[in-house]
Amino acid sequence: MNYDCCVLANTGVEADEIAVKIAFKWAYNKKFVEPNKARIILAWDNFWGRTIAASGSSNDPDRYFNYGPYGFNCTLIDYNNSEQLENLLKLDPNIAAFMIEPI
């Protein structure tokens, strides 16, 4: 078969995983965050899958208990709290991204 083009795509948890990788790479290469210091901000009670990174960013024991260790640097904040988000962005130079997936 001959194809003129190919579309590569990620969906579900794979899309979130690649978003985290892109955010970290940007933080290290463009923002010049020290190696292994970049952090992602997420909201409490998040759920974006059952990979190690997704489980490690959860505050639900059913999703993270006995599945670690985790190496994913993240900070959880209250959902819909823009003041908390703004304060973190001002105070922590290692923030690579704010990831939220409201349902």
N, C-alpha and C. Protein backbone atom coordinates (compact mmCIF):
# COMPACT_ATOMS: atom_id res chain seq x y z
N MET A 1 0.83 -1.19 0.00
CA MET A 1 0.00 0.00 0.00
C MET A 1 0.87 1.25 0.00
N ASN A 2 0.47 2.22 -0.74
CA ASN A 2 1.14 3.51 -0.76
C ASN A 2 0.21 4.56 -0.17
N TYR A 3 0.72 5.28 0.81
CA TYR A 3 -0.06 6.34 1.44
C TYR A 3 0.64 7.67 1.22
N ASP A 4 -0.13 8.69 1.01
CA ASP A 4 0.44 10.03 0.83
C ASP A 4 0.82 10.69 2.15
N CYS A 5 0.15 10.29 3.21
CA CYS A 5 0.45 10.90 4.50
C CYS A 5 0.11 9.94 5.62
N CYS A 6 0.54 10.29 6.79
CA CYS A 6 0.30 9.49 7.98
C CYS A 6 -0.01 10.44 9.13
N VAL A 7 -1.00 10.13 9.93
CA VAL A 7 -1.35 10.94 11.09
C VAL A 7 -1.06 10.12 12.34
N LEU A 8 -0.13 10.61 13.14
CA LEU A 8 0.19 9.96 14.40
C LEU A 8 -0.55 10.71 15.50
N ALA A 9 -1.21 9.98 16.38
CA ALA A 9 -2.00 10.64 17.42
C ALA A 9 -1.97 9.84 18.71
N ASN A 10 -2.09 10.54 19.79
CA ASN A 10 -2.25 9.94 21.11
C ASN A 10 -3.59 10.37 21.67
N THR A 11 -4.23 9.47 22.40
CA THR A 11 -5.49 9.81 23.04
C THR A 11 -5.47 9.32 24.48
N GLY A 12 -6.43 9.77 25.25
CA GLY A 12 -6.54 9.31 26.64
C GLY A 12 -5.31 9.63 27.45
N VAL A 13 -4.91 8.68 28.27
CA VAL A 13 -3.78 8.90 29.18
C VAL A 13 -2.48 9.12 28.41
N GLU A 14 -2.36 8.53 27.22
CA GLU A 14 -1.15 8.74 26.43
C GLU A 14 -1.00 10.21 26.03
N ALA A 15 -2.10 10.86 25.72
CA ALA A 15 -2.04 12.30 25.37
C ALA A 15 -1.57 13.12 26.57
N ASP A 16 -2.07 12.78 27.75
CA ASP A 16 -1.64 13.50 28.96
C ASP A 16 -0.17 13.23 29.27
N GLU A 17 0.25 11.99 29.09
CA GLU A 17 1.66 11.65 29.34
C GLU A 17 2.58 12.45 28.42
N ILE A 18 2.23 12.56 27.15
CA ILE A 18 3.08 13.31 26.22
C ILE A 18 3.03 14.80 26.55
N ALA A 19 1.89 15.29 27.03
CA ALA A 19 1.80 16.70 27.44
C ALA A 19 2.76 16.97 28.61
N VAL A 20 2.84 16.05 29.55
CA VAL A 20 3.77 16.19 30.69
C VAL A 20 5.21 16.18 30.18
N LYS A 21 5.53 15.26 29.27
CA LYS A 21 6.89 15.20 28.72
C LYS A 21 7.25 16.50 27.99
N ILE A 22 6.33 17.01 27.19
CA ILE A 22 6.58 18.25 26.47
C ILE A 22 6.78 19.41 27.44
N ALA A 23 5.95 19.46 28.49
CA ALA A 23 6.08 20.53 29.48
C ALA A 23 7.42 20.47 30.19
N PHE A 24 7.84 19.27 30.58
CA PHE A 24 9.14 19.14 31.24
C PHE A 24 10.28 19.53 30.30
N LYS A 25 10.22 19.05 29.06
CA LYS A 25 11.28 19.38 28.11
C LYS A 25 11.37 20.88 27.88
N TRP A 26 10.20 21.53 27.75
CA TRP A 26 10.18 22.99 27.60
C TRP A 26 10.81 23.66 28.81
N ALA A 27 10.44 23.21 30.01
CA ALA A 27 10.96 23.82 31.24
C ALA A 27 12.49 23.73 31.30
N TYR A 28 13.04 22.59 30.91
CA TYR A 28 14.49 22.41 30.98
C TYR A 28 15.22 23.14 29.85
N ASN A 29 14.65 23.15 28.66
CA ASN A 29 15.34 23.71 27.50
C ASN A 29 15.08 25.19 27.26
N LYS A 30 13.93 25.69 27.68
CA LYS A 30 13.58 27.09 27.41
C LYS A 30 13.52 27.95 28.67
N LYS A 31 13.06 27.37 29.75
CA LYS A 31 12.95 28.11 31.01
C LYS A 31 14.20 27.92 31.87
N PHE A 32 15.01 26.95 31.51
CA PHE A 32 16.29 26.64 32.17
C PHE A 32 16.11 26.24 33.63
N VAL A 33 15.10 25.43 33.88
CA VAL A 33 14.90 24.83 35.20
C VAL A 33 16.02 23.81 35.42
N GLU A 34 16.52 23.75 36.65
CA GLU A 34 17.58 22.78 36.97
C GLU A 34 17.09 21.36 36.70
N PRO A 35 17.99 20.45 36.30
CA PRO A 35 17.61 19.07 36.02
C PRO A 35 16.83 18.43 37.17
N ASN A 36 15.76 17.76 36.83
CA ASN A 36 14.90 17.02 37.76
C ASN A 36 14.18 17.89 38.78
N LYS A 37 14.06 19.19 38.52
CA LYS A 37 13.37 20.10 39.45
C LYS A 37 12.02 20.58 38.91
N ALA A 38 11.74 20.37 37.65
CA ALA A 38 10.48 20.86 37.06
C ALA A 38 9.28 20.20 37.73
N ARG A 39 8.22 20.99 37.87
CA ARG A 39 6.99 20.52 38.52
C ARG A 39 5.79 20.83 37.64
N ILE A 40 4.77 20.01 37.78
CA ILE A 40 3.49 20.23 37.11
C ILE A 40 2.47 20.49 38.21
N ILE A 41 1.60 21.46 37.99
CA ILE A 41 0.49 21.73 38.92
C ILE A 41 -0.75 21.01 38.40
N LEU A 42 -1.42 20.30 39.29
CA LEU A 42 -2.68 19.63 38.97
C LEU A 42 -3.69 19.95 40.06
N ALA A 43 -4.95 19.69 39.79
CA ALA A 43 -6.00 19.92 40.79
C ALA A 43 -6.21 18.65 41.63
N TRP A 44 -6.61 18.86 42.89
CA TRP A 44 -6.99 17.74 43.75
C TRP A 44 -8.09 16.94 43.06
N ASP A 45 -8.15 15.66 43.38
CA ASP A 45 -9.18 14.73 42.86
C ASP A 45 -9.11 14.59 41.35
N ASN A 46 -7.92 14.81 40.78
CA ASN A 46 -7.77 14.62 39.34
C ASN A 46 -7.80 13.14 38.99
N PHE A 47 -8.17 12.85 37.77
CA PHE A 47 -8.05 11.49 37.24
C PHE A 47 -7.80 11.60 35.75
N TRP A 48 -6.64 11.14 35.33
CA TRP A 48 -6.32 11.16 33.91
C TRP A 48 -5.76 9.83 33.43
N GLY A 49 -5.97 8.79 34.23
CA GLY A 49 -5.57 7.46 33.80
C GLY A 49 -4.93 6.66 34.92
N ARG A 50 -4.38 5.50 34.55
CA ARG A 50 -3.80 4.60 35.53
C ARG A 50 -2.34 4.27 35.27
N THR A 51 -1.66 5.14 34.53
CA THR A 51 -0.22 4.95 34.35
C THR A 51 0.47 5.34 35.66
N ILE A 52 1.76 5.09 35.73
CA ILE A 52 2.51 5.44 36.94
C ILE A 52 2.47 6.95 37.18
N ALA A 53 2.65 7.74 36.14
CA ALA A 53 2.61 9.20 36.31
C ALA A 53 1.23 9.65 36.76
N ALA A 54 0.19 9.13 36.14
CA ALA A 54 -1.18 9.52 36.50
C ALA A 54 -1.50 9.08 37.93
N SER A 55 -1.11 7.87 38.28
CA SER A 55 -1.36 7.39 39.65
C SER A 55 -0.57 8.20 40.67
N GLY A 56 0.64 8.58 40.32
CA GLY A 56 1.49 9.35 41.23
C GLY A 56 1.03 10.77 41.44
N SER A 57 0.15 11.26 40.58
CA SER A 57 -0.36 12.63 40.73
C SER A 57 -1.73 12.66 41.37
N SER A 58 -2.21 11.52 41.82
CA SER A 58 -3.54 11.43 42.41
C SER A 58 -3.48 11.53 43.93
N ASN A 59 -4.56 12.04 44.51
CA ASN A 59 -4.66 12.02 45.97
C ASN A 59 -5.66 10.95 46.43
N ASP A 60 -6.12 10.11 45.51
CA ASP A 60 -7.04 9.03 45.82
C ASP A 60 -6.24 7.76 46.12
N PRO A 61 -6.27 7.27 47.37
CA PRO A 61 -5.47 6.09 47.73
C PRO A 61 -5.75 4.87 46.85
N ASP A 62 -6.95 4.73 46.33
CA ASP A 62 -7.24 3.61 45.43
C ASP A 62 -6.42 3.68 44.15
N ARG A 63 -5.99 4.87 43.79
CA ARG A 63 -5.22 5.04 42.56
C ARG A 63 -3.71 4.99 42.78
N TYR A 64 -3.23 5.32 44.00
CA TYR A 64 -1.78 5.37 44.19
C TYR A 64 -1.22 4.39 45.21
N PHE A 65 -2.02 3.93 46.18
CA PHE A 65 -1.49 3.09 47.25
C PHE A 65 -0.99 1.75 46.70
N ASN A 66 0.24 1.42 47.03
CA ASN A 66 0.92 0.19 46.61
C ASN A 66 1.26 0.14 45.13
N TYR A 67 1.31 1.29 44.47
CA TYR A 67 1.70 1.32 43.06
C TYR A 67 3.01 2.06 42.84
N GLY A 68 3.58 2.67 43.88
CA GLY A 68 4.79 3.47 43.74
C GLY A 68 6.03 2.62 43.70
N PRO A 69 7.21 3.19 43.69
CA PRO A 69 7.49 4.60 43.93
C PRO A 69 7.22 5.44 42.68
N TYR A 70 7.07 6.71 42.92
CA TYR A 70 6.79 7.65 41.84
C TYR A 70 7.93 8.65 41.72
N GLY A 71 8.16 9.11 40.51
CA GLY A 71 9.20 10.09 40.29
C GLY A 71 8.67 11.33 39.61
N PHE A 72 7.37 11.51 39.68
CA PHE A 72 6.70 12.59 38.98
C PHE A 72 6.55 13.78 39.91
N ASN A 73 7.20 14.89 39.60
CA ASN A 73 7.14 16.08 40.45
C ASN A 73 5.86 16.86 40.15
N CYS A 74 4.93 16.81 41.08
CA CYS A 74 3.69 17.56 40.89
C CYS A 74 3.24 18.18 42.19
N THR A 75 2.42 19.20 42.07
CA THR A 75 1.82 19.89 43.20
C THR A 75 0.32 19.92 42.96
N LEU A 76 -0.44 19.53 43.97
CA LEU A 76 -1.91 19.54 43.86
C LEU A 76 -2.46 20.80 44.49
N ILE A 77 -3.42 21.42 43.80
CA ILE A 77 -4.08 22.61 44.33
C ILE A 77 -5.59 22.40 44.28
N ASP A 78 -6.31 23.25 44.98
CA ASP A 78 -7.77 23.16 44.97
C ASP A 78 -8.31 23.53 43.60
N TYR A 79 -9.27 22.77 43.13
CA TYR A 79 -9.91 23.06 41.85
C TYR A 79 -10.63 24.40 41.94
N ASN A 80 -10.53 25.17 40.90
CA ASN A 80 -11.22 26.46 40.80
C ASN A 80 -10.70 27.49 41.81
N ASN A 81 -9.42 27.41 42.14
CA ASN A 81 -8.82 28.37 43.06
C ASN A 81 -7.71 29.12 42.33
N SER A 82 -8.09 30.15 41.61
CA SER A 82 -7.12 30.89 40.79
C SER A 82 -6.09 31.61 41.65
N GLU A 83 -6.45 32.00 42.86
CA GLU A 83 -5.49 32.68 43.74
C GLU A 83 -4.37 31.73 44.14
N GLN A 84 -4.72 30.50 44.46
CA GLN A 84 -3.72 29.50 44.83
C GLN A 84 -2.79 29.23 43.63
N LEU A 85 -3.37 29.11 42.45
CA LEU A 85 -2.58 28.89 41.24
C LEU A 85 -1.64 30.07 40.99
N GLU A 86 -2.16 31.27 41.08
CA GLU A 86 -1.36 32.47 40.83
C GLU A 86 -0.19 32.56 41.82
N ASN A 87 -0.45 32.26 43.09
CA ASN A 87 0.62 32.30 44.10
C ASN A 87 1.72 31.29 43.79
N LEU A 88 1.33 30.08 43.39
CA LEU A 88 2.34 29.07 43.06
C LEU A 88 3.16 29.49 41.85
N LEU A 89 2.50 30.04 40.85
CA LEU A 89 3.22 30.47 39.64
C LEU A 89 4.19 31.59 39.95
N LYS A 90 3.85 32.46 40.88
CA LYS A 90 4.73 33.56 41.26
C LYS A 90 5.91 33.07 42.11
N LEU A 91 5.66 32.11 43.00
CA LEU A 91 6.66 31.71 43.98
C LEU A 91 7.60 30.58 43.53
N ASP A 92 7.13 29.72 42.64
CA ASP A 92 7.94 28.55 42.27
C ASP A 92 8.44 28.67 40.83
N PRO A 93 9.72 28.95 40.65
CA PRO A 93 10.26 29.11 39.30
C PRO A 93 10.38 27.78 38.54
N ASN A 94 10.12 26.67 39.21
CA ASN A 94 10.26 25.35 38.59
C ASN A 94 8.97 24.82 37.98
N ILE A 95 7.91 25.62 37.98
CA ILE A 95 6.65 25.17 37.41
C ILE A 95 6.78 25.07 35.89
N ALA A 96 6.48 23.90 35.37
CA ALA A 96 6.54 23.67 33.92
C ALA A 96 5.18 23.84 33.27
N ALA A 97 4.09 23.52 34.02
CA ALA A 97 2.76 23.59 33.42
C ALA A 97 1.69 23.45 34.50
N PHE A 98 0.52 23.89 34.14
CA PHE A 98 -0.69 23.64 34.93
C PHE A 98 -1.57 22.75 34.06
N MET A 99 -1.85 21.56 34.55
CA MET A 99 -2.62 20.59 33.77
C MET A 99 -3.94 20.35 34.49
N ILE A 100 -5.02 20.55 33.76
CA ILE A 100 -6.34 20.33 34.35
C ILE A 100 -7.22 19.69 33.29
N GLU A 101 -8.02 18.75 33.73
CA GLU A 101 -8.91 18.03 32.83
C GLU A 101 -10.30 18.00 33.48
N PRO A 102 -11.02 19.11 33.42
CA PRO A 102 -12.34 19.14 34.07
C PRO A 102 -13.32 18.22 33.34
N ILE A 103 -14.17 17.60 34.12
CA ILE A 103 -15.18 16.70 33.55
C ILE A 103 -16.55 17.30 33.80
